Protein backbone atom coordinates (compact mmCIF):
# COMPACT_ATOMS: atom_id res chain seq x y z
CA MET A 1 69.04 198.70 6.18
CA ASN A 2 65.44 199.96 6.93
CA ARG A 3 64.54 201.15 10.42
CA ASN A 4 62.48 197.85 11.04
CA ASP A 5 65.79 195.71 10.14
CA SER A 6 67.82 197.68 12.82
CA ARG A 7 64.97 197.00 15.21
CA SER A 8 65.64 193.22 14.37
CA MET A 9 69.27 193.38 14.83
CA ARG A 10 68.84 195.08 18.03
CA LEU A 11 66.59 192.38 19.35
CA ALA A 12 68.62 189.80 18.34
CA ARG A 13 71.63 191.70 20.31
CA GLU A 14 69.76 191.90 23.16
CA VAL A 15 68.51 188.06 23.30
CA ARG A 16 72.29 187.15 22.74
CA ASP A 17 73.37 188.92 25.65
CA GLU A 18 70.59 187.66 27.59
CA LEU A 19 71.42 183.86 26.41
CA THR A 20 75.23 184.03 27.35
CA THR A 21 74.76 186.00 30.63
CA HIS A 22 71.65 185.13 32.34
CA ILE A 23 70.39 181.49 30.93
CA LEU A 24 73.50 179.36 29.96
CA PRO A 25 75.92 180.29 32.70
CA PHE A 26 73.06 179.74 35.48
CA TRP A 27 72.97 176.10 34.20
CA THR A 28 76.75 175.50 33.98
CA ASP A 29 77.66 177.50 37.21
CA GLU A 30 74.86 176.03 39.47
CA MET A 31 73.25 173.16 38.08
CA GLN A 32 76.14 170.45 37.57
CA ASP A 33 75.80 167.57 40.23
CA GLN A 34 79.40 166.72 40.98
CA LYS A 35 78.89 163.91 43.38
CA TYR A 36 76.39 161.77 41.23
CA GLY A 37 76.67 163.19 37.81
CA GLY A 38 74.54 164.94 35.30
CA PHE A 39 72.56 167.72 36.90
CA TYR A 40 70.71 168.46 39.98
CA GLY A 41 66.92 167.81 39.89
CA ARG A 42 65.90 170.74 41.67
CA MET A 43 66.41 174.38 42.64
CA ASP A 44 63.19 175.92 44.55
CA GLY A 45 62.15 179.51 43.97
CA ASN A 46 64.54 180.97 46.84
CA ASN A 47 67.47 179.58 44.84
CA MET A 48 68.22 176.56 47.18
CA ILE A 49 69.56 173.53 45.51
CA HIS A 50 67.89 170.18 46.39
CA PRO A 51 70.77 167.47 46.03
CA LEU A 52 68.35 164.44 46.79
CA ALA A 53 65.63 165.51 44.45
CA PRO A 54 64.46 163.24 41.55
CA LYS A 55 65.86 163.93 38.33
CA GLY A 56 63.23 164.13 35.58
CA GLY A 57 63.70 162.88 32.19
CA ILE A 58 62.00 166.12 30.55
CA LEU A 59 64.51 168.24 32.58
CA ASN A 60 67.61 166.24 31.44
CA ALA A 61 66.35 165.87 27.75
CA ARG A 62 65.98 169.57 27.51
CA ILE A 63 69.22 170.14 28.93
CA LEU A 64 70.66 168.01 26.17
CA TRP A 65 68.75 169.74 23.54
CA THR A 66 69.68 173.37 24.61
CA PHE A 67 73.43 172.50 25.03
CA SER A 68 73.81 170.93 21.69
CA ALA A 69 72.02 173.72 19.96
CA ALA A 70 74.25 176.22 21.93
CA ALA A 71 77.45 174.45 20.63
CA ARG A 72 75.92 174.19 17.32
CA HIS A 73 74.83 177.93 16.71
CA LEU A 74 77.62 179.19 19.05
CA ARG A 75 80.46 177.59 18.48
CA GLN A 76 82.00 177.22 22.05
CA ASP A 77 83.63 174.43 23.34
CA MET A 78 82.11 174.90 27.15
CA TYR A 79 78.75 174.36 25.57
CA MET A 80 79.68 171.04 23.76
CA ASP A 81 81.17 169.94 27.24
CA MET A 82 77.78 170.43 29.06
CA ALA A 83 75.76 168.66 25.93
CA ARG A 84 78.02 165.77 26.22
CA ARG A 85 77.77 165.89 29.95
CA ALA A 86 74.12 165.61 29.38
CA ARG A 87 74.22 162.93 26.82
CA ASP A 88 76.56 160.49 28.80
CA TYR A 89 74.00 160.73 31.89
CA ILE A 90 70.93 159.95 29.60
CA LEU A 91 72.39 157.32 28.01
CA THR A 92 73.92 155.74 31.13
CA PHE A 93 70.76 156.01 33.40
CA PHE A 94 67.51 156.75 31.69
CA PHE A 95 67.15 154.53 28.93
CA ASP A 96 65.28 151.13 29.89
CA GLY A 97 67.54 148.24 28.52
CA THR A 98 64.90 145.83 29.28
CA TRP A 99 61.89 147.15 27.92
CA GLY A 100 63.12 150.00 25.86
CA GLY A 101 62.02 153.80 26.00
CA THR A 102 63.17 156.21 28.66
CA TYR A 103 62.11 156.44 32.46
CA TRP A 104 59.91 159.47 33.53
CA SER A 105 62.53 159.83 36.45
CA VAL A 106 65.51 158.68 38.33
CA ASP A 107 66.41 159.35 41.85
CA HIS A 108 69.43 161.52 42.43
CA THR A 109 71.95 158.67 42.17
CA GLY A 110 70.60 157.59 38.81
CA ARG A 111 68.73 154.57 39.69
CA PRO A 112 64.71 154.39 38.11
CA ALA A 113 62.33 156.11 40.35
CA ASP A 114 59.28 156.47 37.97
CA THR A 115 59.51 153.83 35.24
CA LYS A 116 56.25 154.88 33.17
CA LYS A 117 56.50 155.58 29.42
CA GLN A 118 54.96 159.12 28.80
CA ILE A 119 55.12 159.93 25.24
CA TYR A 120 55.65 163.49 25.61
CA SER A 121 58.68 162.61 27.42
CA GLN A 122 59.75 160.22 24.76
CA ALA A 123 59.25 162.88 22.45
CA PHE A 124 61.47 165.20 24.16
CA PHE A 125 64.53 162.45 24.16
CA ILE A 126 64.02 162.46 20.40
CA TYR A 127 64.35 166.25 19.99
CA ALA A 128 67.07 166.32 22.22
CA LEU A 129 69.39 163.33 20.61
CA SER A 130 68.45 164.73 16.95
CA GLU A 131 69.96 168.05 17.96
CA TYR A 132 72.87 166.31 19.61
CA THR A 133 73.51 164.49 16.30
CA MET A 134 73.17 167.70 14.37
CA ALA A 135 75.84 169.17 16.54
CA THR A 136 78.19 166.01 16.35
CA ASP A 137 77.11 163.48 13.96
CA ASP A 138 76.94 161.18 16.58
CA ALA A 139 75.81 157.66 15.38
CA ALA A 140 74.87 156.35 18.81
CA CYS A 141 72.68 159.12 19.75
CA LYS A 142 70.69 159.16 16.25
CA GLY A 143 70.16 155.30 16.35
CA ALA A 144 68.63 155.86 19.98
CA ALA A 145 66.10 158.68 18.51
CA ILE A 146 65.14 156.31 15.96
CA ARG A 147 64.63 153.25 18.30
CA LEU A 148 62.29 155.86 20.01
CA PHE A 149 60.42 156.83 17.23
CA GLU A 150 59.98 153.23 16.39
CA LEU A 151 58.73 152.39 19.91
CA ILE A 152 56.08 155.59 19.84
CA GLU A 153 55.04 154.12 16.66
CA ARG A 154 54.59 150.65 17.76
CA HIS A 155 53.05 151.44 21.09
CA SER A 156 51.56 154.82 21.10
CA PHE A 157 50.00 155.17 17.52
CA ASP A 158 45.93 154.81 17.02
CA PRO A 159 45.51 153.06 13.67
CA VAL A 160 42.11 153.61 13.70
CA HIS A 161 41.46 157.39 14.61
CA HIS A 162 45.12 158.45 14.16
CA GLY A 163 47.12 160.38 16.53
CA TYR A 164 49.05 158.75 19.91
CA PHE A 165 47.68 157.80 23.13
CA GLU A 166 49.37 159.36 26.18
CA ALA A 167 50.95 156.91 28.57
CA PHE A 168 52.28 153.43 29.62
CA ASP A 169 53.70 151.70 32.06
CA ARG A 170 57.44 150.12 31.89
CA GLN A 171 56.06 147.41 29.80
CA TRP A 172 54.42 149.43 27.37
CA GLN A 173 50.64 148.55 28.72
CA PRO A 174 48.06 151.56 28.91
CA LEU A 175 47.86 153.45 32.35
CA GLU A 176 44.56 154.58 33.72
CA ASP A 177 46.20 157.65 34.69
CA MET A 178 47.53 159.08 31.88
CA ARG A 179 47.88 162.65 33.00
CA LEU A 180 51.11 164.59 32.11
CA SER A 181 50.74 166.70 35.19
CA GLU A 182 48.09 166.80 38.02
CA LYS A 183 46.40 169.98 36.58
CA ASP A 184 45.72 168.27 33.01
CA ALA A 185 42.59 166.24 32.17
CA ASN A 186 42.86 162.40 32.11
CA GLU A 187 42.13 162.12 28.46
CA LYS A 188 43.69 159.42 25.94
CA LYS A 189 44.84 162.28 23.57
CA THR A 190 46.23 165.74 24.21
CA MET A 191 47.34 168.62 22.23
CA ASN A 192 50.55 169.36 24.28
CA THR A 193 51.90 165.88 23.68
CA HIS A 194 50.92 165.84 19.66
CA LEU A 195 52.82 169.74 19.63
CA HIS A 196 56.07 167.58 20.87
CA ILE A 197 55.78 164.95 18.92
CA LEU A 198 55.47 167.19 16.09
CA GLU A 199 58.63 169.05 17.42
CA ALA A 200 60.62 166.07 17.82
CA TYR A 201 59.68 164.37 14.41
CA THR A 202 60.43 167.53 12.77
CA ASN A 203 64.19 167.47 14.08
CA LEU A 204 64.65 163.78 13.42
CA TYR A 205 63.48 164.20 9.99
CA ARG A 206 66.52 166.87 9.69
CA VAL A 207 69.01 163.95 10.29
CA TRP A 208 67.19 161.16 8.97
CA ARG A 209 65.20 161.43 5.71
CA ASP A 210 63.22 158.31 6.14
CA GLU A 211 59.92 157.88 4.19
CA LEU A 212 57.66 156.51 7.06
CA LEU A 213 58.90 159.36 9.10
CA ALA A 214 58.01 161.86 6.45
CA LYS A 215 54.73 160.04 6.44
CA LYS A 216 54.10 160.30 9.97
CA LEU A 217 55.16 163.88 10.04
CA ARG A 218 52.63 164.83 7.38
CA SER A 219 49.96 163.28 9.34
CA LEU A 220 50.72 164.97 12.55
CA ILE A 221 50.61 168.49 10.56
CA LEU A 222 47.23 167.59 9.35
CA LEU A 223 46.03 166.45 12.84
CA PHE A 224 46.70 170.02 13.71
CA THR A 225 45.25 171.45 10.66
CA GLU A 226 42.07 169.30 10.90
CA LYS A 227 41.67 168.34 14.50
CA ILE A 228 43.18 170.30 16.84
CA ILE A 229 43.28 173.86 15.77
CA ASP A 230 39.40 175.14 16.57
CA PRO A 231 38.10 176.24 12.87
CA VAL A 232 35.88 179.17 14.19
CA SER A 233 38.20 180.43 17.20
CA HIS A 234 41.92 179.39 15.82
CA HIS A 235 42.72 178.90 19.19
CA LEU A 236 44.13 175.22 19.90
CA ASN A 237 41.87 172.69 21.73
CA LEU A 238 43.51 170.80 24.48
CA PHE A 239 42.14 167.55 25.29
CA PHE A 240 40.38 164.77 23.40
CA ASP A 241 39.00 161.65 23.69
CA GLU A 242 40.08 158.54 21.38
CA GLN A 243 37.61 159.72 18.60
CA TRP A 244 38.82 163.44 18.71
CA ASN A 245 35.89 164.75 20.42
CA ARG A 246 36.73 167.89 22.24
CA LYS A 247 36.87 167.41 26.12
CA SER A 248 37.85 171.13 27.29
CA ARG A 249 37.34 174.67 26.25
CA VAL A 250 40.30 176.29 28.17
CA ILE A 251 42.55 178.33 25.99
CA SER A 252 46.07 178.10 26.44
CA PHE A 253 47.97 181.37 24.76
CA GLY A 254 51.42 180.03 25.03
CA HIS A 255 50.73 176.96 23.31
CA ASP A 256 48.82 178.82 20.49
CA ILE A 257 51.67 180.99 20.03
CA GLU A 258 54.10 178.27 20.29
CA CYS A 259 52.14 176.11 17.78
CA SER A 260 51.71 178.91 14.97
CA TRP A 261 55.59 178.64 14.39
CA LEU A 262 56.45 175.02 15.29
CA LEU A 263 53.86 173.82 12.90
CA ALA A 264 55.02 176.01 9.98
CA GLU A 265 58.69 175.01 10.83
CA ALA A 266 57.53 171.28 10.57
CA ALA A 267 55.80 172.03 7.08
CA ASP A 268 58.80 173.66 5.75
CA THR A 269 61.10 171.05 7.07
CA LEU A 270 58.97 168.45 5.14
CA GLY A 271 59.50 170.13 1.93
CA ASP A 272 55.95 170.10 0.38
CA ARG A 273 55.31 173.90 -0.81
CA VAL A 274 51.94 173.44 -1.10
CA LEU A 275 51.52 172.44 1.94
CA ALA A 276 53.74 174.63 3.75
CA GLY A 277 51.62 177.54 2.09
CA THR A 278 48.52 176.42 3.25
CA VAL A 279 50.04 175.56 6.97
CA LYS A 280 51.46 179.17 6.92
CA GLN A 281 47.76 180.87 6.50
CA LYS A 282 46.53 178.71 9.28
CA CYS A 283 49.11 179.51 11.49
CA LEU A 284 48.76 183.11 11.11
CA LYS A 285 45.31 182.83 12.12
CA VAL A 286 46.39 181.17 15.35
CA ALA A 287 49.20 183.77 16.03
CA ALA A 288 46.29 186.52 15.43
CA ALA A 289 44.11 184.69 17.88
CA ALA A 290 46.61 184.47 20.55
CA VAL A 291 47.10 188.28 20.61
CA GLU A 292 43.92 188.04 22.65
CA GLY A 293 46.17 187.08 25.65
CA ILE A 294 48.59 190.01 25.30
CA GLY A 295 48.12 192.32 28.17
CA GLU A 296 48.98 195.97 28.69
CA ASP A 297 52.28 195.37 30.35
CA GLY A 298 53.51 193.56 27.00
CA GLY A 299 53.29 190.13 28.48
CA LEU A 300 51.32 187.01 27.37
CA MET A 301 48.52 185.89 30.08
CA TYR A 302 48.79 182.05 30.77
CA GLU A 303 45.22 180.78 30.07
CA ALA A 304 41.52 181.39 30.05
CA ASP A 305 38.11 179.61 29.90
CA PRO A 306 35.56 181.94 28.31
CA VAL A 307 32.56 179.59 28.86
CA ALA A 308 33.15 179.45 32.54
CA GLY A 309 34.90 183.21 32.96
CA HIS A 310 38.02 181.83 34.23
CA ARG A 311 41.34 183.77 33.63
CA ASP A 312 44.67 183.08 34.89
CA ASP A 313 46.64 186.21 34.13
CA ASP A 314 49.92 185.03 35.69
CA ARG A 315 52.86 185.72 33.43
CA HIS A 316 54.44 182.31 33.62
CA TRP A 317 57.98 182.22 31.83
CA TRP A 318 57.60 179.65 28.79
CA PRO A 319 54.71 181.71 27.18
CA GLN A 320 56.66 184.93 26.88
CA ALA A 321 59.50 183.04 25.35
CA GLU A 322 57.35 181.56 22.74
CA ALA A 323 55.16 184.50 22.41
CA VAL A 324 59.00 186.34 21.37
CA VAL A 325 59.50 183.82 18.49
CA GLY A 326 55.84 183.22 17.46
CA PHE A 327 55.14 186.79 16.95
CA TYR A 328 58.29 187.65 15.32
CA HIS A 329 57.81 184.67 13.21
CA ALA A 330 54.33 186.20 12.16
CA TYR A 331 56.14 189.50 11.27
CA GLU A 332 58.26 187.78 9.04
CA LEU A 333 55.44 186.10 7.32
CA THR A 334 53.33 189.24 6.86
CA GLY A 335 55.34 192.33 7.54
CA ASP A 336 52.98 193.72 9.67
CA ILE A 337 54.68 195.78 12.22
CA ARG A 338 52.41 195.27 14.74
CA TYR A 339 53.76 191.77 15.22
CA LEU A 340 57.27 192.95 15.63
CA ASP A 341 55.98 195.55 18.30
CA ILE A 342 54.50 192.64 20.16
CA ALA A 343 57.57 190.40 20.10
CA GLU A 344 59.71 193.56 21.29
CA ASN A 345 57.30 194.46 24.02
CA CYS A 346 57.50 190.82 25.35
CA PHE A 347 61.03 190.65 25.44
CA HIS A 348 61.21 194.17 27.21
CA TYR A 349 58.75 192.79 29.87
CA ILE A 350 60.79 189.68 30.36
CA ARG A 351 63.86 191.71 30.74
CA ASN A 352 62.16 194.18 32.97
CA SER A 353 60.35 191.37 35.38
CA LEU A 354 61.09 187.69 34.56
CA ILE A 355 64.88 187.77 34.46
CA ASP A 356 66.71 187.33 38.15
CA PRO A 357 69.59 189.51 37.46
CA ALA A 358 71.31 188.43 40.76
CA ASN A 359 71.08 184.90 40.89
CA GLY A 360 70.61 183.98 36.84
CA GLU A 361 67.94 182.52 34.90
CA TRP A 362 64.07 183.39 34.87
CA TYR A 363 61.36 183.05 37.51
CA TRP A 364 58.83 180.63 37.34
CA SER A 365 56.12 183.29 36.80
CA ILE A 366 54.96 186.91 37.92
CA LYS A 367 51.98 187.04 39.48
CA ALA A 368 48.60 188.89 38.56
CA ASP A 369 49.50 191.22 41.01
CA GLY A 370 53.11 191.97 39.55
CA THR A 371 54.86 190.32 42.46
CA ILE A 372 57.45 187.54 41.97
CA ASN A 373 56.13 183.64 42.36
CA ARG A 374 58.62 182.20 44.47
CA LYS A 375 56.59 179.01 45.44
CA ASP A 376 57.38 177.57 42.25
CA ASP A 377 60.94 176.26 41.11
CA LYS A 378 63.72 178.07 39.49
CA ALA A 379 64.77 174.81 37.95
CA GLY A 380 63.45 171.46 38.11
CA PHE A 381 61.06 168.95 36.59
CA TRP A 382 59.49 171.59 34.40
CA LYS A 383 61.72 174.57 34.63
CA CYS A 384 64.13 173.77 32.46
CA PRO A 385 66.45 175.97 29.90
CA TYR A 386 64.66 175.03 26.81
CA HIS A 387 61.95 177.69 26.05
CA ASN A 388 63.94 180.41 27.04
CA SER A 389 67.30 179.41 25.23
CA ARG A 390 65.34 178.49 22.14
CA MET A 391 63.74 181.76 21.90
CA CYS A 392 67.17 183.35 21.79
CA LEU A 393 68.81 181.07 19.32
CA GLU A 394 65.60 181.35 17.00
CA ILE A 395 65.65 185.09 16.82
CA MET A 396 69.58 185.26 16.32
CA GLN A 397 69.16 182.55 13.51
CA ARG A 398 66.02 184.74 12.00
CA VAL A 399 67.97 187.79 12.04
CA LYS A 400 70.81 186.27 10.70
CA SER A 401 69.69 186.33 7.48
CA LEU A 402 69.53 190.49 7.48
CA VAL A 403 72.74 191.09 7.65
């Protein structure tokens, strides 16, 4: 075993400890809603539970994915119990029995709150249900995931310019306000939604080797290589109109590095070696571009707009998690020790700055001045155990081959 293999194995041990000490126990011990079922919708940045907060679809789907993946890889009954709890709540409360698809949110009792059909959210339910299927071979979850795929293709796919439209009302009619969140541009197509459809279809293809699904997954891969990844800068373009004209120049470094490994994973899963080889070269260029966002402290900055001169140097939780995986993936592909250095340094930044050692989980972000952001939630609609749990599990699985 060489020195770099030893470094990789040490990193794998460290992330496993993080997963089983600070991340998963937080969600099992703090976030179960024993009165109304499922999980609480919010814990604020001061570790206060808000038991009457709405329960978001993205939060619940990501909890299902997390504990399904943890159960599959770590083989512990308590993680399967949590996955089953998340599955039962989702199948009972989040699916629209009249019009199909899943609600954006339910209230604290499980009644529909916001019934819009945001395609980003539908994709996360596919991702989670597919992971539960891999863990359990559950036919009901597999069937639910397939039905969501069919609904996305029926209502969201653009047969003229390809890609997927963003959002619909409960009856699948287009919405004027298609934004995923208030900070997003109101455009018909976004990188973010396409990235997570790609992720979802990749996971679904692992349990359902369907010809149409394979065709759609290939089409998504090509959309990234031909439309979404900028051919000059190799950063991701974020917002587009219906014809794929770029509508934003903001760089999201976390999405860059996340895409650099998810896109390669999609091509590998599809099984086309020629396509996979081409995609990996493209992904390495995206990873190299993302290095621009790494700071002297080892953390990854949030975003920048070079044209407007805007920089957001805050260290949000999820880009740090994706940086560890994405740069380790670049190291695997190239053997370039620089990428292993970046992955290690970013995890050391996480361990030293983002983790809440007293209360578990990670803070939402560390501000540019180095102080903890307590204004945003510890757990909630967007703050879920998915990015950081997946980071740990990905590193553990990738390093396992060295043993």
